Amino acid sequence: ALVQAQTCLQLLTLVAPECTVPQEPFLLSCQADMAACVEPGRRNCSCATLSEYSRQCSMAGQPVSSWRGLALL
């Protein structure tokens, strides 16, 4: 679970490095997404969570990176 937490934190930071929207709920959601993602090699399990975080940051007027094209996802 620690690996998932670190991965999720990296993903959220990639999405919006300077965003001040609290990451905690999104971290938990992302970890749940990954835990529920049973297909091997499927890496975009937490896409919905990242999208929502991106949207919240954007609505808060925070800069959001163009993360969807990153190889990580």
PDB file of N, CA and C in Angstrom:
ATOM      1  N   ALA A   1       0.824  -1.208   0.000  1.00  0.00           N
ATOM      2  CA  ALA A   1       0.000   0.000   0.000  1.00  0.00           C
ATOM      3  C   ALA A   1       0.857   1.256   0.000  1.00  0.00           C
ATOM      4  N   LEU A   2       2.050   1.136   0.574  1.00  0.00           N
ATOM      5  CA  LEU A   2       2.955   2.292   0.607  1.00  0.00           C
ATOM      6  C   LEU A   2       3.369   2.692  -0.805  1.00  0.00           C
ATOM      7  N   VAL A   3       3.597   1.687  -1.642  1.00  0.00           N
ATOM      8  CA  VAL A   3       3.959   1.953  -3.038  1.00  0.00           C
ATOM      9  C   VAL A   3       2.829   2.699  -3.738  1.00  0.00           C
ATOM     10  N   GLN A   4       1.596   2.261  -3.494  1.00  0.00           N
ATOM     11  CA  GLN A   4       0.446   2.930  -4.100  1.00  0.00           C
ATOM     12  C   GLN A   4       0.347   4.368  -3.629  1.00  0.00           C
ATOM     13  N   ALA A   5       0.587   4.582  -2.341  1.00  0.00           N
ATOM     14  CA  ALA A   5       0.520   5.939  -1.794  1.00  0.00           C
ATOM     15  C   ALA A   5       1.566   6.831  -2.452  1.00  0.00           C
ATOM     16  N   GLN A   6       2.769   6.318  -2.611  1.00  0.00           N
ATOM     17  CA  GLN A   6       3.842   7.099  -3.232  1.00  0.00           C
ATOM     18  C   GLN A   6       3.530   7.375  -4.697  1.00  0.00           C
ATOM     19  N   THR A   7       3.020   6.359  -5.386  1.00  0.00           N
ATOM     20  CA  THR A   7       2.662   6.530  -6.795  1.00  0.00           C
ATOM     21  C   THR A   7       1.581   7.586  -6.947  1.00  0.00           C
ATOM     22  N   CYS A   8       0.563   7.505  -6.092  1.00  0.00           N
ATOM     23  CA  CYS A   8      -0.545   8.460  -6.166  1.00  0.00           C
ATOM     24  C   CYS A   8      -0.067   9.879  -5.881  1.00  0.00           C
ATOM     25  N   LEU A   9       0.811  10.018  -4.912  1.00  0.00           N
ATOM     26  CA  LEU A   9       1.344  11.334  -4.574  1.00  0.00           C
ATOM     27  C   LEU A   9       2.123  11.907  -5.760  1.00  0.00           C
ATOM     28  N   GLN A  10       2.908  11.060  -6.408  1.00  0.00           N
ATOM     29  CA  GLN A  10       3.666  11.490  -7.592  1.00  0.00           C
ATOM     30  C   GLN A  10       2.715  11.911  -8.706  1.00  0.00           C
ATOM     31  N   LEU A  11       1.656  11.128  -8.898  1.00  0.00           N
ATOM     32  CA  LEU A  11       0.694  11.436  -9.959  1.00  0.00           C
ATOM     33  C   LEU A  11      -0.007  12.761  -9.692  1.00  0.00           C
ATOM     34  N   LEU A  12      -0.455  12.960  -8.458  1.00  0.00           N
ATOM     35  CA  LEU A  12      -1.142  14.210  -8.115  1.00  0.00           C
ATOM     36  C   LEU A  12      -0.203  15.399  -8.277  1.00  0.00           C
ATOM     37  N   THR A  13       1.051  15.210  -7.914  1.00  0.00           N
ATOM     38  CA  THR A  13       2.035  16.283  -8.041  1.00  0.00           C
ATOM     39  C   THR A  13       2.304  16.589  -9.512  1.00  0.00           C
ATOM     40  N   LEU A  14       2.301  15.558 -10.344  1.00  0.00           N
ATOM     41  CA  LEU A  14       2.475  15.755 -11.783  1.00  0.00           C
ATOM     42  C   LEU A  14       1.298  16.524 -12.376  1.00  0.00           C
ATOM     43  N   VAL A  15       0.118  16.183 -11.919  1.00  0.00           N
ATOM     44  CA  VAL A  15      -1.108  16.811 -12.439  1.00  0.00           C
ATOM     45  C   VAL A  15      -1.102  18.311 -12.169  1.00  0.00           C
ATOM     46  N   ALA A  16      -0.783  18.670 -10.925  1.00  0.00           N
ATOM     47  CA  ALA A  16      -0.807  20.080 -10.547  1.00  0.00           C
ATOM     48  C   ALA A  16       0.210  20.326  -9.431  1.00  0.00           C
ATOM     49  N   PRO A  17       1.464  20.566  -9.815  1.00  0.00           N
ATOM     50  CA  PRO A  17       2.555  20.702  -8.842  1.00  0.00           C
ATOM     51  C   PRO A  17       2.346  21.799  -7.807  1.00  0.00           C
ATOM     52  N   GLU A  18       1.653  22.857  -8.180  1.00  0.00           N
ATOM     53  CA  GLU A  18       1.525  23.993  -7.264  1.00  0.00           C
ATOM     54  C   GLU A  18       0.134  24.112  -6.660  1.00  0.00           C
ATOM     55  N   CYS A  19      -0.698  23.118  -6.906  1.00  0.00           N
ATOM     56  CA  CYS A  19      -2.084  23.196  -6.457  1.00  0.00           C
ATOM     57  C   CYS A  19      -2.194  23.133  -4.941  1.00  0.00           C
ATOM     58  N   THR A  20      -3.044  24.005  -4.380  1.00  0.00           N
ATOM     59  CA  THR A  20      -3.216  24.060  -2.930  1.00  0.00           C
ATOM     60  C   THR A  20      -4.475  23.321  -2.474  1.00  0.00           C
ATOM     61  N   VAL A  21      -5.199  22.711  -3.415  1.00  0.00           N
ATOM     62  CA  VAL A  21      -6.361  21.900  -3.042  1.00  0.00           C
ATOM     63  C   VAL A  21      -5.834  20.709  -2.230  1.00  0.00           C
ATOM     64  N   PRO A  22      -6.446  20.414  -1.080  1.00  0.00           N
ATOM     65  CA  PRO A  22      -5.955  19.312  -0.237  1.00  0.00           C
ATOM     66  C   PRO A  22      -5.885  17.989  -1.007  1.00  0.00           C
ATOM     67  N   GLN A  23      -4.739  17.335  -0.940  1.00  0.00           N
ATOM     68  CA  GLN A  23      -4.533  16.103  -1.701  1.00  0.00           C
ATOM     69  C   GLN A  23      -5.072  14.863  -0.993  1.00  0.00           C
ATOM     70  N   GLU A  24      -5.233  14.952   0.318  1.00  0.00           N
ATOM     71  CA  GLU A  24      -5.581  13.774   1.113  1.00  0.00           C
ATOM     72  C   GLU A  24      -6.751  12.944   0.554  1.00  0.00           C
ATOM     73  N   PRO A  25      -7.931  13.576   0.300  1.00  0.00           N
ATOM     74  CA  PRO A  25      -9.041  12.760  -0.206  1.00  0.00           C
ATOM     75  C   PRO A  25      -8.735  12.131  -1.564  1.00  0.00           C
ATOM     76  N   PHE A  26      -7.992  12.854  -2.376  1.00  0.00           N
ATOM     77  CA  PHE A  26      -7.653  12.338  -3.701  1.00  0.00           C
ATOM     78  C   PHE A  26      -6.623  11.210  -3.601  1.00  0.00           C
ATOM     79  N   LEU A  27      -5.709  11.347  -2.639  1.00  0.00           N
ATOM     80  CA  LEU A  27      -4.732  10.280  -2.395  1.00  0.00           C
ATOM     81  C   LEU A  27      -5.450   8.992  -2.009  1.00  0.00           C
ATOM     82  N   LEU A  28      -6.394   9.104  -1.085  1.00  0.00           N
ATOM     83  CA  LEU A  28      -7.137   7.929  -0.626  1.00  0.00           C
ATOM     84  C   LEU A  28      -7.934   7.317  -1.777  1.00  0.00           C
ATOM     85  N   SER A  29      -8.558   8.175  -2.548  1.00  0.00           N
ATOM     86  CA  SER A  29      -9.354   7.718  -3.686  1.00  0.00           C
ATOM     87  C   SER A  29      -8.476   7.040  -4.731  1.00  0.00           C
ATOM     88  N   CYS A  30      -7.336   7.631  -4.990  1.00  0.00           N
ATOM     89  CA  CYS A  30      -6.384   7.084  -5.961  1.00  0.00           C
ATOM     90  C   CYS A  30      -5.900   5.706  -5.513  1.00  0.00           C
ATOM     91  N   GLN A  31      -5.590   5.580  -4.228  1.00  0.00           N
ATOM     92  CA  GLN A  31      -5.131   4.291  -3.701  1.00  0.00           C
ATOM     93  C   GLN A  31      -6.225   3.234  -3.817  1.00  0.00           C
ATOM     94  N   ALA A  32      -7.452   3.637  -3.557  1.00  0.00           N
ATOM     95  CA  ALA A  32      -8.581   2.709  -3.689  1.00  0.00           C
ATOM     96  C   ALA A  32      -8.730   2.275  -5.140  1.00  0.00           C
ATOM     97  N   ASP A  33      -8.568   3.239  -6.071  1.00  0.00           N
ATOM     98  CA  ASP A  33      -8.636   2.929  -7.504  1.00  0.00           C
ATOM     99  C   ASP A  33      -7.598   1.881  -7.862  1.00  0.00           C
ATOM    100  N   MET A  34      -6.383   2.093  -7.394  1.00  0.00           N
ATOM    101  CA  MET A  34      -5.289   1.189  -7.731  1.00  0.00           C
ATOM    102  C   MET A  34      -5.480  -0.193  -7.119  1.00  0.00           C
ATOM    103  N   ALA A  35      -6.002  -0.222  -5.907  1.00  0.00           N
ATOM    104  CA  ALA A  35      -6.241  -1.489  -5.227  1.00  0.00           C
ATOM    105  C   ALA A  35      -7.318  -2.293  -5.961  1.00  0.00           C
ATOM    106  N   ALA A  36      -8.290  -1.572  -6.510  1.00  0.00           N
ATOM    107  CA  ALA A  36      -9.397  -2.224  -7.208  1.00  0.00           C
ATOM    108  C   ALA A  36      -9.041  -2.581  -8.645  1.00  0.00           C
ATOM    109  N   CYS A  37      -7.917  -2.081  -9.092  1.00  0.00           N
ATOM    110  CA  CYS A  37      -7.505  -2.285 -10.472  1.00  0.00           C
ATOM    111  C   CYS A  37      -6.742  -3.602 -10.583  1.00  0.00           C
ATOM    112  N   VAL A  38      -7.411  -4.634 -11.026  1.00  0.00           N
ATOM    113  CA  VAL A  38      -6.800  -5.966 -11.016  1.00  0.00           C
ATOM    114  C   VAL A  38      -6.139  -6.345 -12.329  1.00  0.00           C
ATOM    115  N   GLU A  39      -6.424  -5.608 -13.377  1.00  0.00           N
ATOM    116  CA  GLU A  39      -5.833  -5.962 -14.665  1.00  0.00           C
ATOM    117  C   GLU A  39      -4.353  -5.631 -14.689  1.00  0.00           C
ATOM    118  N   PRO A  40      -3.498  -6.619 -14.887  1.00  0.00           N
ATOM    119  CA  PRO A  40      -2.054  -6.354 -14.938  1.00  0.00           C
ATOM    120  C   PRO A  40      -1.720  -5.405 -16.086  1.00  0.00           C
ATOM    121  N   GLY A  41      -0.839  -4.482 -15.799  1.00  0.00           N
ATOM    122  CA  GLY A  41      -0.382  -3.571 -16.851  1.00  0.00           C
ATOM    123  C   GLY A  41      -1.334  -2.434 -17.147  1.00  0.00           C
ATOM    124  N   ARG A  42      -2.454  -2.409 -16.483  1.00  0.00           N
ATOM    125  CA  ARG A  42      -3.385  -1.298 -16.716  1.00  0.00           C
ATOM    126  C   ARG A  42      -3.018  -0.173 -15.784  1.00  0.00           C
ATOM    127  N   ARG A  43      -2.466   0.880 -16.334  1.00  0.00           N
ATOM    128  CA  ARG A  43      -1.868   1.910 -15.493  1.00  0.00           C
ATOM    129  C   ARG A  43      -2.728   3.139 -15.307  1.00  0.00           C
ATOM    130  N   ASN A  44      -3.823   3.210 -16.013  1.00  0.00           N
ATOM    131  CA  ASN A  44      -4.638   4.423 -15.921  1.00  0.00           C
ATOM    132  C   ASN A  44      -5.824   4.228 -14.994  1.00  0.00           C
ATOM    133  N   CYS A  45      -5.665   3.349 -14.003  1.00  0.00           N
ATOM    134  CA  CYS A  45      -6.753   3.025 -13.073  1.00  0.00           C
ATOM    135  C   CYS A  45      -7.259   4.239 -12.320  1.00  0.00           C
ATOM    136  N   SER A  46      -6.373   5.132 -11.993  1.00  0.00           N
ATOM    137  CA  SER A  46      -6.764   6.264 -11.155  1.00  0.00           C
ATOM    138  C   SER A  46      -7.046   7.518 -11.978  1.00  0.00           C
ATOM    139  N   CYS A  47      -7.310   7.318 -13.239  1.00  0.00           N
ATOM    140  CA  CYS A  47      -7.523   8.454 -14.141  1.00  0.00           C
ATOM    141  C   CYS A  47      -8.676   9.356 -13.697  1.00  0.00           C
ATOM    142  N   ALA A  48      -9.779   8.755 -13.250  1.00  0.00           N
ATOM    143  CA  ALA A  48     -10.936   9.552 -12.838  1.00  0.00           C
ATOM    144  C   ALA A  48     -10.594  10.428 -11.638  1.00  0.00           C
ATOM    145  N   THR A  49      -9.869   9.871 -10.706  1.00  0.00           N
ATOM    146  CA  THR A  49      -9.455  10.627  -9.523  1.00  0.00           C
ATOM    147  C   THR A  49      -8.548  11.776  -9.916  1.00  0.00           C
ATOM    148  N   LEU A  50      -7.601  11.504 -10.805  1.00  0.00           N
ATOM    149  CA  LEU A  50      -6.671  12.545 -11.254  1.00  0.00           C
ATOM    150  C   LEU A  50      -7.408  13.632 -12.024  1.00  0.00           C
ATOM    151  N   SER A  51      -8.381  13.221 -12.817  1.00  0.00           N
ATOM    152  CA  SER A  51      -9.187  14.193 -13.568  1.00  0.00           C
ATOM    153  C   SER A  51      -9.919  15.129 -12.623  1.00  0.00           C
ATOM    154  N   GLU A  52     -10.493  14.549 -11.567  1.00  0.00           N
ATOM    155  CA  GLU A  52     -11.254  15.345 -10.604  1.00  0.00           C
ATOM    156  C   GLU A  52     -10.331  16.304  -9.859  1.00  0.00           C
ATOM    157  N   TYR A  53      -9.154  15.815  -9.483  1.00  0.00           N
ATOM    158  CA  TYR A  53      -8.176  16.677  -8.798  1.00  0.00           C
ATOM    159  C   TYR A  53      -7.774  17.830  -9.716  1.00  0.00           C
ATOM    160  N   SER A  54      -7.517  17.500 -10.956  1.00  0.00           N
ATOM    161  CA  SER A  54      -7.158  18.504 -11.953  1.00  0.00           C
ATOM    162  C   SER A  54      -8.263  19.548 -12.082  1.00  0.00           C
ATOM    163  N   ARG A  55      -9.516  19.075 -12.108  1.00  0.00           N
ATOM    164  CA  ARG A  55     -10.662  19.971 -12.247  1.00  0.00           C
ATOM    165  C   ARG A  55     -10.793  20.885 -11.027  1.00  0.00           C
ATOM    166  N   GLN A  56     -10.638  20.295  -9.848  1.00  0.00           N
ATOM    167  CA  GLN A  56     -10.742  21.087  -8.612  1.00  0.00           C
ATOM    168  C   GLN A  56      -9.653  22.169  -8.566  1.00  0.00           C
ATOM    169  N   CYS A  57      -8.445  21.786  -8.950  1.00  0.00           N
ATOM    170  CA  CYS A  57      -7.333  22.750  -8.961  1.00  0.00           C
ATOM    171  C   CYS A  57      -7.602  23.864  -9.962  1.00  0.00           C
ATOM    172  N   SER A  58      -8.086  23.465 -11.118  1.00  0.00           N
ATOM    173  CA  SER A  58      -8.389  24.429 -12.170  1.00  0.00           C
ATOM    174  C   SER A  58      -9.471  25.404 -11.710  1.00  0.00           C
ATOM    175  N   MET A  59     -10.501  24.877 -11.064  1.00  0.00           N
ATOM    176  CA  MET A  59     -11.594  25.725 -10.559  1.00  0.00           C
ATOM    177  C   MET A  59     -11.102  26.667  -9.464  1.00  0.00           C
ATOM    178  N   ALA A  60     -10.067  26.240  -8.754  1.00  0.00           N
ATOM    179  CA  ALA A  60      -9.497  27.071  -7.693  1.00  0.00           C
ATOM    180  C   ALA A  60      -8.500  28.087  -8.256  1.00  0.00           C
ATOM    181  N   GLY A  61      -8.360  28.080  -9.584  1.00  0.00           N
ATOM    182  CA  GLY A  61      -7.461  29.029 -10.228  1.00  0.00           C
ATOM    183  C   GLY A  61      -6.004  28.629 -10.131  1.00  0.00           C
ATOM    184  N   GLN A  62      -5.758  27.345  -9.896  1.00  0.00           N
ATOM    185  CA  GLN A  62      -4.382  26.848  -9.774  1.00  0.00           C
ATOM    186  C   GLN A  62      -3.885  26.347 -11.127  1.00  0.00           C
ATOM    187  N   PRO A  63      -2.587  26.482 -11.364  1.00  0.00           N
ATOM    188  CA  PRO A  63      -2.047  25.967 -12.631  1.00  0.00           C
ATOM    189  C   PRO A  63      -2.083  24.443 -12.661  1.00  0.00           C
ATOM    190  N   VAL A  64      -2.529  23.907 -13.779  1.00  0.00           N
ATOM    191  CA  VAL A  64      -2.605  22.458 -13.960  1.00  0.00           C
ATOM    192  C   VAL A  64      -1.778  22.090 -15.180  1.00  0.00           C
ATOM    193  N   SER A  65      -0.976  21.052 -15.069  1.00  0.00           N
ATOM    194  CA  SER A  65      -0.145  20.658 -16.204  1.00  0.00           C
ATOM    195  C   SER A  65      -0.950  19.797 -17.175  1.00  0.00           C
ATOM    196  N   SER A  66      -0.449  19.658 -18.378  1.00  0.00           N
ATOM    197  CA  SER A  66      -1.124  18.812 -19.366  1.00  0.00           C
ATOM    198  C   SER A  66      -0.660  17.379 -19.131  1.00  0.00           C
ATOM    199  N   TRP A  67      -1.202  16.775 -18.091  1.00  0.00           N
ATOM    200  CA  TRP A  67      -0.725  15.484 -17.600  1.00  0.00           C
ATOM    201  C   TRP A  67      -1.224  14.291 -18.384  1.00  0.00           C
ATOM    202  N   ARG A  68      -2.291  14.458 -19.144  1.00  0.00           N
ATOM    203  CA  ARG A  68      -2.880  13.297 -19.820  1.00  0.00           C
ATOM    204  C   ARG A  68      -1.959  12.653 -20.840  1.00  0.00           C
ATOM    205  N   GLY A  69      -1.029  13.425 -21.372  1.00  0.00           N
ATOM    206  CA  GLY A  69      -0.147  12.876 -22.381  1.00  0.00           C
ATOM    207  C   GLY A  69       1.099  12.211 -21.807  1.00  0.00           C
ATOM    208  N   LEU A  70       1.252  12.274 -20.495  1.00  0.00           N
ATOM    209  CA  LEU A  70       2.445  11.708 -19.889  1.00  0.00           C
ATOM    210  C   LEU A  70       2.487  10.191 -19.991  1.00  0.00           C
ATOM    211  N   ALA A  71       3.656   9.656 -20.246  1.00  0.00           N
ATOM    212  CA  ALA A  71       3.818   8.218 -20.423  1.00  0.00           C
ATOM    213  C   ALA A  71       3.431   7.446 -19.163  1.00  0.00           C
ATOM    214  N   LEU A  72       3.491   8.113 -18.028  1.00  0.00           N
ATOM    215  CA  LEU A  72       3.195   7.472 -16.762  1.00  0.00           C
ATOM    216  C   LEU A  72       1.758   6.946 -16.726  1.00  0.00           C
ATOM    217  N   LEU A  73       0.893   7.632 -17.443  1.00  0.00           N
ATOM    218  CA  LEU A  73      -0.507   7.230 -17.424  1.00  0.00           C
ATOM    219  C   LEU A  73      -0.813   6.392 -18.655  1.00  0.00           C
TER     220      LEU A  73
END
